[in-house]
Structure formats: C-alpha cells, structure tokens
C-alpha cells in the first residue's frame, strides 16, 4: 500500500484547527477529482480521448481565500470502467504535516451535483468562462468552478471545514490521455468476511475495484458502522494481487497455522502495517495470508486498542 499518514517534522507548531481540517477537508473537497473529465477531445486519428491514470492535479488550499496553508494533490493511479482510483495528498505549510489516502470517484459528474450558473475566472490558463457546480454533502455545500471547454477541468473549489471557508485553486495540471480502456478480469472480485462485534454478526466485503498502473490492483474494504465508540471506516488501498494483501504490508515471522473459522487449520503468513481510512484515521492492521494463493483468511483491524477480527466467509 502506498498511502501513509505521517508527520515529517515536529507537529507542535500546527494549530488545533488545522489538525481538525486535515481529516475533514478530504471529505469536503473529494469532489475535486470527480470533475476532471466527462469526455475528452478527438485526437488526430479521430479517436475520443479521456483522462487516464498518470494524470496529476495540484491545488493551493487557502483560508478565506488569502492564506495558503496547505497544498492538495490529486494523483489518478488507476481505474475501472466507471471510476478512477485516486490518491489525494495534503501537505501543510506549517510543520510539514502530510496526509495521504486513497479514494474512488466517478468518471462523471457526482450524484447530487447541480449546475447553478457561469462566471469569469482568472486561472493558470488565463481568463476562463467557467460553469459553477454545487453539491451538498453532510449539510455543507461545495461550489466547484469547471471549464467545459477543457474536459470539465476544475480550476477552483470552495467549501467549509470546521466552520471555516476553504478554497482550492489549481496551480498545476499534467494530463495523461487514453483512447480506450478494458477492465481486467480481476475487477469485481469479491471476498466475503464476517465478524462478531458486541454479540452481533456482521458481514463485510473486500472488493477489487480498480486496475492500477504497474499491474497492481485497487482494493476497497468497507468495515464501517460496527461500533458506536470508534469506526474503522472504509479502507481503500493498493495490492499486488486481486486477493487483497496490501502491497506495503510487512511480513512478520514465518509460516504459522491458524484455525480459520470456515476453513479449519490453514498455514499462513502474517503481514502487518498501518492503514489510513477515508476519514484520515490511522488503523493498525494485520492480514493472515496463504503464501501461495495469496488468499487472506483473516484480517484484524485495531482503531482504538480493541481489535476487530474478520474471518473469510
């Protein structure tokens, strides 16, 4: 797995407000990637082009439109037929705090988005007439300024985080284009898991959702809404295999035997790491994986000192 939530320098200089924003703003501005493209131009051969993995967008993140306190980077690293698999990275100017996570966004306009008008906007590509799109998420309205003549490129976005007005302004755009894409057979592969929490049984799916550049796979494991006190949430990450072992996990020890709930005794390797959910919370995780088939028989997530164990169903 390539994403990390880490502190490069001393955290003491960063205000409490900005620490809170680092978690919230990814939800508020997640639509940034969703507005990248609806359809592209025709190339010299008359073939329709669309945005491809490898595309990078970078934004300045400002308070009240004047104080640049962070940068926001969007890397499109994979895709399926309808969605992009995206790495979003926020780097704070003060203290060097960096937060990164993966998410999945539609290749089209997000559900609930409405075009509300047009305006003239100064951009990195000069003065542009842009469309204004608005979307309400969890009671907060996000306003996006996109250029319909340039593949629906989003130049600016405005939203609220912790009661403060946050603005994104595009500073860099490096598109990669494709004329066709065909999903691999791995897309849609589902592994069903079950867990017992508070005396109740819950089923959750680990799904291969994207083809990643370099022959890897984008995984989604939604393990949210299991406890009121804490929530592991939805985890998106990169795997070397469609069976879902995270690419950045580290092997702990050698071959061990576990009693898999639905498979009896199986020989596995234990792989551990920290993962970051879509809310920016770091989770301790262990995966018990068959060394030959790469099947994950058990996954354990620890968000608050009380692990939740998922058994392959």
C-alpha atoms as a PDB file:
ATOM      1  CA  UNK A   1       0.000   0.000   0.000  1.00  0.00           C
ATOM      2  CA  UNK A   2       1.421   3.366  -0.972  1.00  0.00           C
ATOM      3  CA  UNK A   3      -0.523   5.712   1.261  1.00  0.00           C
ATOM      4  CA  UNK A   4       0.687   6.848   4.660  1.00  0.00           C
ATOM      5  CA  UNK A   5      -0.466   9.227   7.349  1.00  0.00           C
ATOM      6  CA  UNK A   6       2.701  10.611   8.827  1.00  0.00           C
ATOM      7  CA  UNK A   7       4.445  13.591  10.377  1.00  0.00           C
ATOM      8  CA  UNK A   8       7.635  14.616   8.616  1.00  0.00           C
ATOM      9  CA  UNK A   9       8.578  17.277  11.140  1.00  0.00           C
ATOM     10  CA  UNK A  10       7.615  18.391  14.623  1.00  0.00           C
ATOM     11  CA  UNK A  11       3.839  18.662  14.923  1.00  0.00           C
ATOM     12  CA  UNK A  12       3.843  21.116  17.845  1.00  0.00           C
ATOM     13  CA  UNK A  13       3.637  24.228  15.671  1.00  0.00           C
ATOM     14  CA  UNK A  14       0.418  23.218  13.918  1.00  0.00           C
ATOM     15  CA  UNK A  15      -2.789  24.692  15.285  1.00  0.00           C
ATOM     16  CA  UNK A  16      -5.612  22.527  16.574  1.00  0.00           C
ATOM     17  CA  UNK A  17      -7.887  23.900  13.881  1.00  0.00           C
ATOM     18  CA  UNK A  18      -5.585  22.760  11.086  1.00  0.00           C
ATOM     19  CA  UNK A  19      -5.233  19.324  12.648  1.00  0.00           C
ATOM     20  CA  UNK A  20      -9.020  19.003  12.528  1.00  0.00           C
ATOM     21  CA  UNK A  21      -9.181  20.263   8.959  1.00  0.00           C
ATOM     22  CA  UNK A  22      -6.721  17.636   7.751  1.00  0.00           C
ATOM     23  CA  UNK A  23      -9.371  14.995   8.462  1.00  0.00           C
ATOM     24  CA  UNK A  24     -12.443  16.913   7.347  1.00  0.00           C
ATOM     25  CA  UNK A  25     -11.241  18.640   4.216  1.00  0.00           C
ATOM     26  CA  UNK A  26     -10.671  15.412   2.304  1.00  0.00           C
ATOM     27  CA  UNK A  27     -14.411  14.779   2.536  1.00  0.00           C
ATOM     28  CA  UNK A  28     -15.314  18.352   1.646  1.00  0.00           C
ATOM     29  CA  UNK A  29     -13.090  18.519  -1.427  1.00  0.00           C
ATOM     30  CA  UNK A  30     -13.163  14.890  -2.525  1.00  0.00           C
ATOM     31  CA  UNK A  31     -15.247  16.025  -5.490  1.00  0.00           C
ATOM     32  CA  UNK A  32     -12.118  17.670  -6.906  1.00  0.00           C
ATOM     33  CA  UNK A  33     -11.191  14.567  -8.807  1.00  0.00           C
ATOM     34  CA  UNK A  34     -14.739  13.778  -9.838  1.00  0.00           C
ATOM     35  CA  UNK A  35     -14.922  16.859 -12.048  1.00  0.00           C
ATOM     36  CA  UNK A  36     -11.781  16.081 -14.015  1.00  0.00           C
ATOM     37  CA  UNK A  37     -13.437  14.784 -17.143  1.00  0.00           C
ATOM     38  CA  UNK A  38     -16.716  13.777 -18.703  1.00  0.00           C
ATOM     39  CA  UNK A  39     -15.387  13.264 -22.208  1.00  0.00           C
ATOM     40  CA  UNK A  40     -12.258  14.395 -23.995  1.00  0.00           C
ATOM     41  CA  UNK A  41     -11.335  15.781 -27.379  1.00  0.00           C
ATOM     42  CA  UNK A  42     -10.830  13.821 -30.570  1.00  0.00           C
ATOM     43  CA  UNK A  43      -7.168  13.109 -31.342  1.00  0.00           C
ATOM     44  CA  UNK A  44      -5.534  13.350 -34.783  1.00  0.00           C
ATOM     45  CA  UNK A  45      -6.941   9.931 -35.717  1.00  0.00           C
ATOM     46  CA  UNK A  46     -10.481  10.953 -34.810  1.00  0.00           C
ATOM     47  CA  UNK A  47     -10.498   8.820 -31.643  1.00  0.00           C
ATOM     48  CA  UNK A  48     -12.129  10.130 -28.492  1.00  0.00           C
ATOM     49  CA  UNK A  49      -9.656  10.824 -25.672  1.00  0.00           C
ATOM     50  CA  UNK A  50     -10.301  10.659 -21.945  1.00  0.00           C
ATOM     51  CA  UNK A  51      -8.237  11.287 -18.834  1.00  0.00           C
ATOM     52  CA  UNK A  52      -6.032   8.303 -17.935  1.00  0.00           C
ATOM     53  CA  UNK A  53      -4.091   7.140 -14.862  1.00  0.00           C
ATOM     54  CA  UNK A  54      -0.938   9.188 -14.503  1.00  0.00           C
ATOM     55  CA  UNK A  55      -2.853  12.471 -14.534  1.00  0.00           C
ATOM     56  CA  UNK A  56      -1.835  14.880 -11.755  1.00  0.00           C
ATOM     57  CA  UNK A  57      -3.583  17.995 -10.435  1.00  0.00           C
ATOM     58  CA  UNK A  58      -2.254  20.248  -7.674  1.00  0.00           C
ATOM     59  CA  UNK A  59      -4.120  22.952  -5.759  1.00  0.00           C
ATOM     60  CA  UNK A  60      -3.286  25.645  -3.229  1.00  0.00           C
ATOM     61  CA  UNK A  61      -5.558  25.334  -0.203  1.00  0.00           C
ATOM     62  CA  UNK A  62      -6.455  28.668   1.381  1.00  0.00           C
ATOM     63  CA  UNK A  63      -8.369  30.055   4.351  1.00  0.00           C
ATOM     64  CA  UNK A  64     -10.676  32.968   3.489  1.00  0.00           C
ATOM     65  CA  UNK A  65      -9.168  32.894   0.009  1.00  0.00           C
ATOM     66  CA  UNK A  66      -5.970  34.633   1.167  1.00  0.00           C
ATOM     67  CA  UNK A  67      -3.883  32.421   3.470  1.00  0.00           C
ATOM     68  CA  UNK A  68      -2.335  29.433   1.703  1.00  0.00           C
ATOM     69  CA  UNK A  69      -1.898  26.888   4.496  1.00  0.00           C
ATOM     70  CA  UNK A  70      -1.611  23.648   2.512  1.00  0.00           C
ATOM     71  CA  UNK A  71      -1.321  22.069  -0.908  1.00  0.00           C
ATOM     72  CA  UNK A  72      -3.736  19.460  -2.207  1.00  0.00           C
ATOM     73  CA  UNK A  73      -2.562  16.958  -4.797  1.00  0.00           C
ATOM     74  CA  UNK A  74      -4.721  14.587  -6.841  1.00  0.00           C
ATOM     75  CA  UNK A  75      -2.998  11.593  -8.473  1.00  0.00           C
ATOM     76  CA  UNK A  76      -5.127   9.354 -10.672  1.00  0.00           C
ATOM     77  CA  UNK A  77      -3.399   5.992 -10.211  1.00  0.00           C
ATOM     78  CA  UNK A  78      -5.979   3.505 -11.512  1.00  0.00           C
ATOM     79  CA  UNK A  79      -9.468   2.972 -12.864  1.00  0.00           C
ATOM     80  CA  UNK A  80     -12.355   0.708 -13.706  1.00  0.00           C
ATOM     81  CA  UNK A  81     -14.917   1.296 -16.439  1.00  0.00           C
ATOM     82  CA  UNK A  82     -16.864   3.894 -14.434  1.00  0.00           C
ATOM     83  CA  UNK A  83     -14.494   5.195 -11.762  1.00  0.00           C
ATOM     84  CA  UNK A  84     -10.989   6.476 -11.083  1.00  0.00           C
ATOM     85  CA  UNK A  85      -8.868   5.186  -8.208  1.00  0.00           C
ATOM     86  CA  UNK A  86      -7.255   8.312  -6.771  1.00  0.00           C
ATOM     87  CA  UNK A  87      -4.562   9.188  -4.279  1.00  0.00           C
ATOM     88  CA  UNK A  88      -5.148  12.518  -2.527  1.00  0.00           C
ATOM     89  CA  UNK A  89      -2.320  14.147  -0.581  1.00  0.00           C
ATOM     90  CA  UNK A  90      -2.487  17.217   1.640  1.00  0.00           C
ATOM     91  CA  UNK A  91       0.761  18.833   2.743  1.00  0.00           C
ATOM     92  CA  UNK A  92       0.568  21.589   5.347  1.00  0.00           C
ATOM     93  CA  UNK A  93       2.898  24.558   5.054  1.00  0.00           C
ATOM     94  CA  UNK A  94       3.300  24.914   8.816  1.00  0.00           C
ATOM     95  CA  UNK A  95       5.047  21.965  10.446  1.00  0.00           C
ATOM     96  CA  UNK A  96       5.295  19.808   7.333  1.00  0.00           C
ATOM     97  CA  UNK A  97       2.319  17.577   8.191  1.00  0.00           C
ATOM     98  CA  UNK A  98       1.395  15.324   5.279  1.00  0.00           C
ATOM     99  CA  UNK A  99      -1.783  13.300   4.959  1.00  0.00           C
ATOM    100  CA  UNK A 100      -2.488  10.891   2.112  1.00  0.00           C
ATOM    101  CA  UNK A 101      -5.277   8.429   1.406  1.00  0.00           C
ATOM    102  CA  UNK A 102      -6.882   6.627  -1.499  1.00  0.00           C
ATOM    103  CA  UNK A 103     -10.444   7.099  -2.662  1.00  0.00           C
ATOM    104  CA  UNK A 104     -12.664   6.118  -5.577  1.00  0.00           C
ATOM    105  CA  UNK A 105     -14.508   8.738  -7.637  1.00  0.00           C
ATOM    106  CA  UNK A 106     -16.892   8.576 -10.565  1.00  0.00           C
ATOM    107  CA  UNK A 107     -15.596   9.446 -14.031  1.00  0.00           C
ATOM    108  CA  UNK A 108     -18.681  11.600 -14.468  1.00  0.00           C
ATOM    109  CA  UNK A 109     -20.433  14.323 -12.526  1.00  0.00           C
ATOM    110  CA  UNK A 110     -21.124  13.148  -8.935  1.00  0.00           C
ATOM    111  CA  UNK A 111     -24.649  12.323  -7.865  1.00  0.00           C
ATOM    112  CA  UNK A 112     -26.414  15.351  -6.455  1.00  0.00           C
ATOM    113  CA  UNK A 113     -24.259  17.927  -8.256  1.00  0.00           C
ATOM    114  CA  UNK A 114     -26.201  20.752  -9.938  1.00  0.00           C
ATOM    115  CA  UNK A 115     -25.001  23.418 -12.351  1.00  0.00           C
ATOM    116  CA  UNK A 116     -26.061  26.778 -10.934  1.00  0.00           C
ATOM    117  CA  UNK A 117     -24.527  29.311 -13.317  1.00  0.00           C
ATOM    118  CA  UNK A 118     -21.395  30.621 -15.044  1.00  0.00           C
ATOM    119  CA  UNK A 119     -18.719  33.175 -14.177  1.00  0.00           C
ATOM    120  CA  UNK A 120     -15.432  34.605 -15.424  1.00  0.00           C
ATOM    121  CA  UNK A 121     -12.386  33.293 -13.574  1.00  0.00           C
ATOM    122  CA  UNK A 122      -8.645  34.003 -13.669  1.00  0.00           C
ATOM    123  CA  UNK A 123      -6.865  30.639 -13.947  1.00  0.00           C
ATOM    124  CA  UNK A 124      -3.431  29.190 -14.673  1.00  0.00           C
ATOM    125  CA  UNK A 125      -4.614  29.075 -18.305  1.00  0.00           C
ATOM    126  CA  UNK A 126      -5.731  32.701 -18.371  1.00  0.00           C
ATOM    127  CA  UNK A 127      -9.212  34.167 -18.038  1.00  0.00           C
ATOM    128  CA  UNK A 128     -11.866  31.472 -18.462  1.00  0.00           C
ATOM    129  CA  UNK A 129     -15.632  31.359 -18.581  1.00  0.00           C
ATOM    130  CA  UNK A 130     -16.424  28.509 -16.223  1.00  0.00           C
ATOM    131  CA  UNK A 131     -19.530  26.687 -15.087  1.00  0.00           C
ATOM    132  CA  UNK A 132     -20.452  26.683 -11.398  1.00  0.00           C
ATOM    133  CA  UNK A 133     -21.475  23.344  -9.922  1.00  0.00           C
ATOM    134  CA  UNK A 134     -22.825  22.907  -6.388  1.00  0.00           C
ATOM    135  CA  UNK A 135     -23.119  19.778  -4.273  1.00  0.00           C
ATOM    136  CA  UNK A 136     -24.296  19.380  -0.677  1.00  0.00           C
ATOM    137  CA  UNK A 137     -22.590  16.755   1.484  1.00  0.00           C
ATOM    138  CA  UNK A 138     -23.404  16.264   5.182  1.00  0.00           C
ATOM    139  CA  UNK A 139     -25.096  19.655   5.296  1.00  0.00           C
ATOM    140  CA  UNK A 140     -22.155  21.505   3.726  1.00  0.00           C
ATOM    141  CA  UNK A 141     -22.341  22.947   0.213  1.00  0.00           C
ATOM    142  CA  UNK A 142     -19.293  22.646  -2.026  1.00  0.00           C
ATOM    143  CA  UNK A 143     -19.039  25.000  -5.013  1.00  0.00           C
ATOM    144  CA  UNK A 144     -16.829  23.989  -7.959  1.00  0.00           C
ATOM    145  CA  UNK A 145     -15.732  26.090 -10.931  1.00  0.00           C
ATOM    146  CA  UNK A 146     -15.117  23.952 -14.002  1.00  0.00           C
ATOM    147  CA  UNK A 147     -14.194  24.645 -17.611  1.00  0.00           C
ATOM    148  CA  UNK A 148     -16.488  22.749 -20.010  1.00  0.00           C
ATOM    149  CA  UNK A 149     -14.182  23.523 -22.946  1.00  0.00           C
ATOM    150  CA  UNK A 150     -11.267  21.765 -21.239  1.00  0.00           C
ATOM    151  CA  UNK A 151     -12.640  18.340 -20.275  1.00  0.00           C
ATOM    152  CA  UNK A 152     -14.571  19.717 -17.281  1.00  0.00           C
ATOM    153  CA  UNK A 153     -11.313  20.676 -15.582  1.00  0.00           C
ATOM    154  CA  UNK A 154     -11.928  22.069 -12.095  1.00  0.00           C
ATOM    155  CA  UNK A 155      -9.994  25.307 -11.570  1.00  0.00           C
ATOM    156  CA  UNK A 156     -11.406  26.271  -8.188  1.00  0.00           C
ATOM    157  CA  UNK A 157     -13.471  24.879  -5.344  1.00  0.00           C
ATOM    158  CA  UNK A 158     -14.995  26.456  -2.253  1.00  0.00           C
ATOM    159  CA  UNK A 159     -16.328  24.689   0.849  1.00  0.00           C
ATOM    160  CA  UNK A 160     -16.450  24.786   4.649  1.00  0.00           C
ATOM    161  CA  UNK A 161     -14.378  22.827   7.167  1.00  0.00           C
ATOM    162  CA  UNK A 162     -14.745  23.305  10.931  1.00  0.00           C
ATOM    163  CA  UNK A 163     -16.810  26.406  10.176  1.00  0.00           C
ATOM    164  CA  UNK A 164     -14.000  27.966   8.160  1.00  0.00           C
ATOM    165  CA  UNK A 165     -14.136  28.813   4.429  1.00  0.00           C
ATOM    166  CA  UNK A 166     -11.669  26.665   2.465  1.00  0.00           C
ATOM    167  CA  UNK A 167     -10.667  27.429  -1.130  1.00  0.00           C
ATOM    168  CA  UNK A 168      -8.787  25.285  -3.626  1.00  0.00           C
ATOM    169  CA  UNK A 169      -7.055  26.989  -6.573  1.00  0.00           C
ATOM    170  CA  UNK A 170      -5.481  24.926  -9.351  1.00  0.00           C
ATOM    171  CA  UNK A 171      -1.719  25.510  -9.658  1.00  0.00           C
ATOM    172  CA  UNK A 172      -0.642  22.527 -11.788  1.00  0.00           C
ATOM    173  CA  UNK A 173      -2.297  20.249 -14.325  1.00  0.00           C
ATOM    174  CA  UNK A 174      -0.490  17.374 -16.037  1.00  0.00           C
ATOM    175  CA  UNK A 175      -2.988  15.285 -18.017  1.00  0.00           C
ATOM    176  CA  UNK A 176      -2.403  11.825 -19.463  1.00  0.00           C
ATOM    177  CA  UNK A 177      -4.805  10.720 -22.177  1.00  0.00           C
ATOM    178  CA  UNK A 178      -6.257   7.409 -23.300  1.00  0.00           C
ATOM    179  CA  UNK A 179      -8.452   6.429 -26.230  1.00  0.00           C
ATOM    180  CA  UNK A 180      -9.588   3.084 -24.827  1.00  0.00           C
ATOM    181  CA  UNK A 181      -9.556   1.001 -21.678  1.00  0.00           C
ATOM    182  CA  UNK A 182     -10.736  -2.521 -20.932  1.00  0.00           C
ATOM    183  CA  UNK A 183     -11.142  -3.783 -17.399  1.00  0.00           C
ATOM    184  CA  UNK A 184      -9.074  -6.748 -16.263  1.00  0.00           C
ATOM    185  CA  UNK A 185     -10.885  -9.916 -15.216  1.00  0.00           C
ATOM    186  CA  UNK A 186      -9.965  -9.163 -11.605  1.00  0.00           C
ATOM    187  CA  UNK A 187     -12.302  -6.159 -11.373  1.00  0.00           C
ATOM    188  CA  UNK A 188     -15.343  -7.026  -9.281  1.00  0.00           C
ATOM    189  CA  UNK A 189     -13.695  -9.933  -7.474  1.00  0.00           C
ATOM    190  CA  UNK A 190     -15.333 -10.131  -4.048  1.00  0.00           C
ATOM    191  CA  UNK A 191     -14.137 -11.819  -0.846  1.00  0.00           C
ATOM    192  CA  UNK A 192     -16.765 -12.062   1.888  1.00  0.00           C
ATOM    193  CA  UNK A 193     -15.749 -11.742   5.541  1.00  0.00           C
ATOM    194  CA  UNK A 194     -17.645 -11.987   8.805  1.00  0.00           C
ATOM    195  CA  UNK A 195     -17.020 -10.689  12.329  1.00  0.00           C
ATOM    196  CA  UNK A 196     -18.675 -10.701  15.742  1.00  0.00           C
ATOM    197  CA  UNK A 197     -18.959  -7.328  17.486  1.00  0.00           C
ATOM    198  CA  UNK A 198     -20.979  -6.836  20.652  1.00  0.00           C
ATOM    199  CA  UNK A 199     -22.594 -10.235  20.223  1.00  0.00           C
ATOM    200  CA  UNK A 200     -23.819  -9.411  16.723  1.00  0.00           C
ATOM    201  CA  UNK A 201     -22.580 -10.912  13.459  1.00  0.00           C
ATOM    202  CA  UNK A 202     -21.627  -8.591  10.589  1.00  0.00           C
ATOM    203  CA  UNK A 203     -20.671  -9.405   7.020  1.00  0.00           C
ATOM    204  CA  UNK A 204     -18.339  -7.159   5.040  1.00  0.00           C
ATOM    205  CA  UNK A 205     -16.834  -7.424   1.548  1.00  0.00           C
ATOM    206  CA  UNK A 206     -13.306  -6.857   0.302  1.00  0.00           C
ATOM    207  CA  UNK A 207     -13.594  -5.941  -3.385  1.00  0.00           C
ATOM    208  CA  UNK A 208     -11.089  -5.500  -6.202  1.00  0.00           C
ATOM    209  CA  UNK A 209     -12.308  -2.197  -7.657  1.00  0.00           C
ATOM    210  CA  UNK A 210      -9.542  -0.899  -9.935  1.00  0.00           C
ATOM    211  CA  UNK A 211      -6.657  -1.700 -12.247  1.00  0.00           C
ATOM    212  CA  UNK A 212      -3.575   0.169 -11.030  1.00  0.00           C
ATOM    213  CA  UNK A 213      -0.649   1.226 -13.177  1.00  0.00           C
ATOM    214  CA  UNK A 214       2.220  -1.260 -12.956  1.00  0.00           C
ATOM    215  CA  UNK A 215      -0.016  -4.324 -12.858  1.00  0.00           C
ATOM    216  CA  UNK A 216      -1.378  -3.812  -9.348  1.00  0.00           C
ATOM    217  CA  UNK A 217      -4.948  -3.598  -8.071  1.00  0.00           C
ATOM    218  CA  UNK A 218      -7.053  -1.115  -6.128  1.00  0.00           C
ATOM    219  CA  UNK A 219      -8.968  -2.656  -3.237  1.00  0.00           C
ATOM    220  CA  UNK A 220     -11.908  -1.456  -1.155  1.00  0.00           C
ATOM    221  CA  UNK A 221     -12.693  -2.992   2.241  1.00  0.00           C
ATOM    222  CA  UNK A 222     -15.676  -1.261   3.845  1.00  0.00           C
ATOM    223  CA  UNK A 223     -15.644  -2.194   7.522  1.00  0.00           C
ATOM    224  CA  UNK A 224     -17.619   0.796   8.773  1.00  0.00           C
ATOM    225  CA  UNK A 225     -20.527   1.080  11.213  1.00  0.00           C
ATOM    226  CA  UNK A 226     -19.535  -1.748  13.536  1.00  0.00           C
ATOM    227  CA  UNK A 227     -19.156   0.175  16.807  1.00  0.00           C
ATOM    228  CA  UNK A 228     -20.545   3.432  18.168  1.00  0.00           C
ATOM    229  CA  UNK A 229     -17.375   4.373  20.063  1.00  0.00           C
ATOM    230  CA  UNK A 230     -14.999   4.071  17.122  1.00  0.00           C
ATOM    231  CA  UNK A 231     -15.230   3.240  13.446  1.00  0.00           C
ATOM    232  CA  UNK A 232     -12.617   1.538  11.300  1.00  0.00           C
ATOM    233  CA  UNK A 233     -14.371   3.004   8.274  1.00  0.00           C
ATOM    234  CA  UNK A 234     -13.801   2.352   4.594  1.00  0.00           C
ATOM    235  CA  UNK A 235     -10.279   1.388   3.580  1.00  0.00           C
ATOM    236  CA  UNK A 236      -9.047   1.851   0.014  1.00  0.00           C
ATOM    237  CA  UNK A 237      -5.544   0.620  -0.742  1.00  0.00           C
ATOM    238  CA  UNK A 238      -3.257  -0.904  -3.367  1.00  0.00           C
ATOM    239  CA  UNK A 239      -2.494  -4.624  -3.576  1.00  0.00           C
ATOM    240  CA  UNK A 240      -0.109  -6.663  -5.696  1.00  0.00           C
ATOM    241  CA  UNK A 241      -2.857  -9.270  -6.051  1.00  0.00           C
ATOM    242  CA  UNK A 242      -6.641  -9.179  -6.524  1.00  0.00           C
ATOM    243  CA  UNK A 243      -6.858 -11.301  -3.357  1.00  0.00           C
ATOM    244  CA  UNK A 244      -6.202  -8.104  -1.415  1.00  0.00           C
ATOM    245  CA  UNK A 245      -2.970  -8.329   0.607  1.00  0.00           C
ATOM    246  CA  UNK A 246      -1.770  -4.674   0.843  1.00  0.00           C
ATOM    247  CA  UNK A 247       1.329  -4.012  -1.230  1.00  0.00           C
ATOM    248  CA  UNK A 248       3.067  -2.153   1.620  1.00  0.00           C
ATOM    249  CA  UNK A 249       2.385  -4.720   4.344  1.00  0.00           C
ATOM    250  CA  UNK A 250       5.449  -6.190   6.066  1.00  0.00           C
ATOM    251  CA  UNK A 251       5.761  -9.903   6.796  1.00  0.00           C
ATOM    252  CA  UNK A 252       6.012 -10.764  10.494  1.00  0.00           C
ATOM    253  CA  UNK A 253       7.824 -14.055  11.178  1.00  0.00           C
ATOM    254  CA  UNK A 254       7.440 -17.238   9.148  1.00  0.00           C
ATOM    255  CA  UNK A 255       4.695 -19.716   8.335  1.00  0.00           C
ATOM    256  CA  UNK A 256       2.138 -20.213  11.123  1.00  0.00           C
ATOM    257  CA  UNK A 257      -1.009 -22.307  11.477  1.00  0.00           C
ATOM    258  CA  UNK A 258      -4.309 -20.651  12.378  1.00  0.00           C
ATOM    259  CA  UNK A 259      -7.777 -22.049  12.857  1.00  0.00           C
ATOM    260  CA  UNK A 260      -9.718 -20.250  10.155  1.00  0.00           C
ATOM    261  CA  UNK A 261     -13.365 -20.100  11.183  1.00  0.00           C
ATOM    262  CA  UNK A 262     -14.746 -21.586   7.975  1.00  0.00           C
ATOM    263  CA  UNK A 263     -11.732 -23.481   6.631  1.00  0.00           C
ATOM    264  CA  UNK A 264     -10.201 -25.336   9.557  1.00  0.00           C
ATOM    265  CA  UNK A 265      -6.458 -25.195  10.156  1.00  0.00           C
ATOM    266  CA  UNK A 266      -4.579 -23.328   7.416  1.00  0.00           C
ATOM    267  CA  UNK A 267      -0.934 -22.342   7.014  1.00  0.00           C
ATOM    268  CA  UNK A 268      -0.473 -18.622   6.533  1.00  0.00           C
ATOM    269  CA  UNK A 269       1.974 -15.757   6.776  1.00  0.00           C
ATOM    270  CA  UNK A 270       1.185 -12.751   8.961  1.00  0.00           C
ATOM    271  CA  UNK A 271       1.571  -9.323   7.345  1.00  0.00           C
ATOM    272  CA  UNK A 272       1.144  -6.104   9.322  1.00  0.00           C
ATOM    273  CA  UNK A 273       1.048  -2.365   8.681  1.00  0.00           C
ATOM    274  CA  UNK A 274      -0.785   0.861   9.436  1.00  0.00           C
ATOM    275  CA  UNK A 275      -3.524   1.920   7.049  1.00  0.00           C
ATOM    276  CA  UNK A 276      -5.466   5.163   6.733  1.00  0.00           C
ATOM    277  CA  UNK A 277      -9.199   5.236   6.212  1.00  0.00           C
ATOM    278  CA  UNK A 278     -11.080   7.847   4.154  1.00  0.00           C
ATOM    279  CA  UNK A 279     -11.596   9.992   7.281  1.00  0.00           C
ATOM    280  CA  UNK A 280      -7.857  10.262   7.852  1.00  0.00           C
ATOM    281  CA  UNK A 281      -7.726   7.905  10.857  1.00  0.00           C
ATOM    282  CA  UNK A 282      -4.725   5.583  11.084  1.00  0.00           C
ATOM    283  CA  UNK A 283      -5.635   1.955  11.741  1.00  0.00           C
ATOM    284  CA  UNK A 284      -3.344  -0.872  12.803  1.00  0.00           C
ATOM    285  CA  UNK A 285      -3.937  -3.851  10.505  1.00  0.00           C
ATOM    286  CA  UNK A 286      -2.789  -7.467  10.192  1.00  0.00           C
ATOM    287  CA  UNK A 287      -3.511  -9.857   7.336  1.00  0.00           C
ATOM    288  CA  UNK A 288      -3.136 -13.641   7.549  1.00  0.00           C
ATOM    289  CA  UNK A 289      -2.391 -14.724   4.002  1.00  0.00           C
ATOM    290  CA  UNK A 290      -1.797 -18.020   2.179  1.00  0.00           C
ATOM    291  CA  UNK A 291       1.807 -17.758   0.854  1.00  0.00           C
ATOM    292  CA  UNK A 292       0.908 -19.486  -2.433  1.00  0.00           C
ATOM    293  CA  UNK A 293      -2.628 -18.388  -3.351  1.00  0.00           C
ATOM    294  CA  UNK A 294      -2.375 -15.006  -1.569  1.00  0.00           C
ATOM    295  CA  UNK A 295      -5.849 -15.595  -0.102  1.00  0.00           C
ATOM    296  CA  UNK A 296      -6.418 -13.529   3.049  1.00  0.00           C
ATOM    297  CA  UNK A 297      -8.087 -15.863   5.551  1.00  0.00           C
ATOM    298  CA  UNK A 298      -8.143 -13.365   8.403  1.00  0.00           C
ATOM    299  CA  UNK A 299      -7.899  -9.574   8.700  1.00  0.00           C
ATOM    300  CA  UNK A 300      -7.569  -7.769  12.035  1.00  0.00           C
ATOM    301  CA  UNK A 301      -8.091  -4.007  12.418  1.00  0.00           C
ATOM    302  CA  UNK A 302      -7.314  -2.051  15.583  1.00  0.00           C
ATOM    303  CA  UNK A 303      -8.501   1.559  15.706  1.00  0.00           C
ATOM    304  CA  UNK A 304      -8.670   2.105  19.470  1.00  0.00           C
ATOM    305  CA  UNK A 305      -6.979  -0.781  21.251  1.00  0.00           C
ATOM    306  CA  UNK A 306      -9.902  -3.182  20.776  1.00  0.00           C
ATOM    307  CA  UNK A 307      -9.217  -5.237  17.627  1.00  0.00           C
ATOM    308  CA  UNK A 308     -11.944  -6.334  15.215  1.00  0.00           C
ATOM    309  CA  UNK A 309     -11.239  -9.686  13.550  1.00  0.00           C
ATOM    310  CA  UNK A 310     -12.690 -10.616  10.162  1.00  0.00           C
ATOM    311  CA  UNK A 311     -12.735 -14.252   9.065  1.00  0.00           C
ATOM    312  CA  UNK A 312     -13.043 -15.288   5.419  1.00  0.00           C
ATOM    313  CA  UNK A 313     -16.581 -16.490   4.841  1.00  0.00           C
END
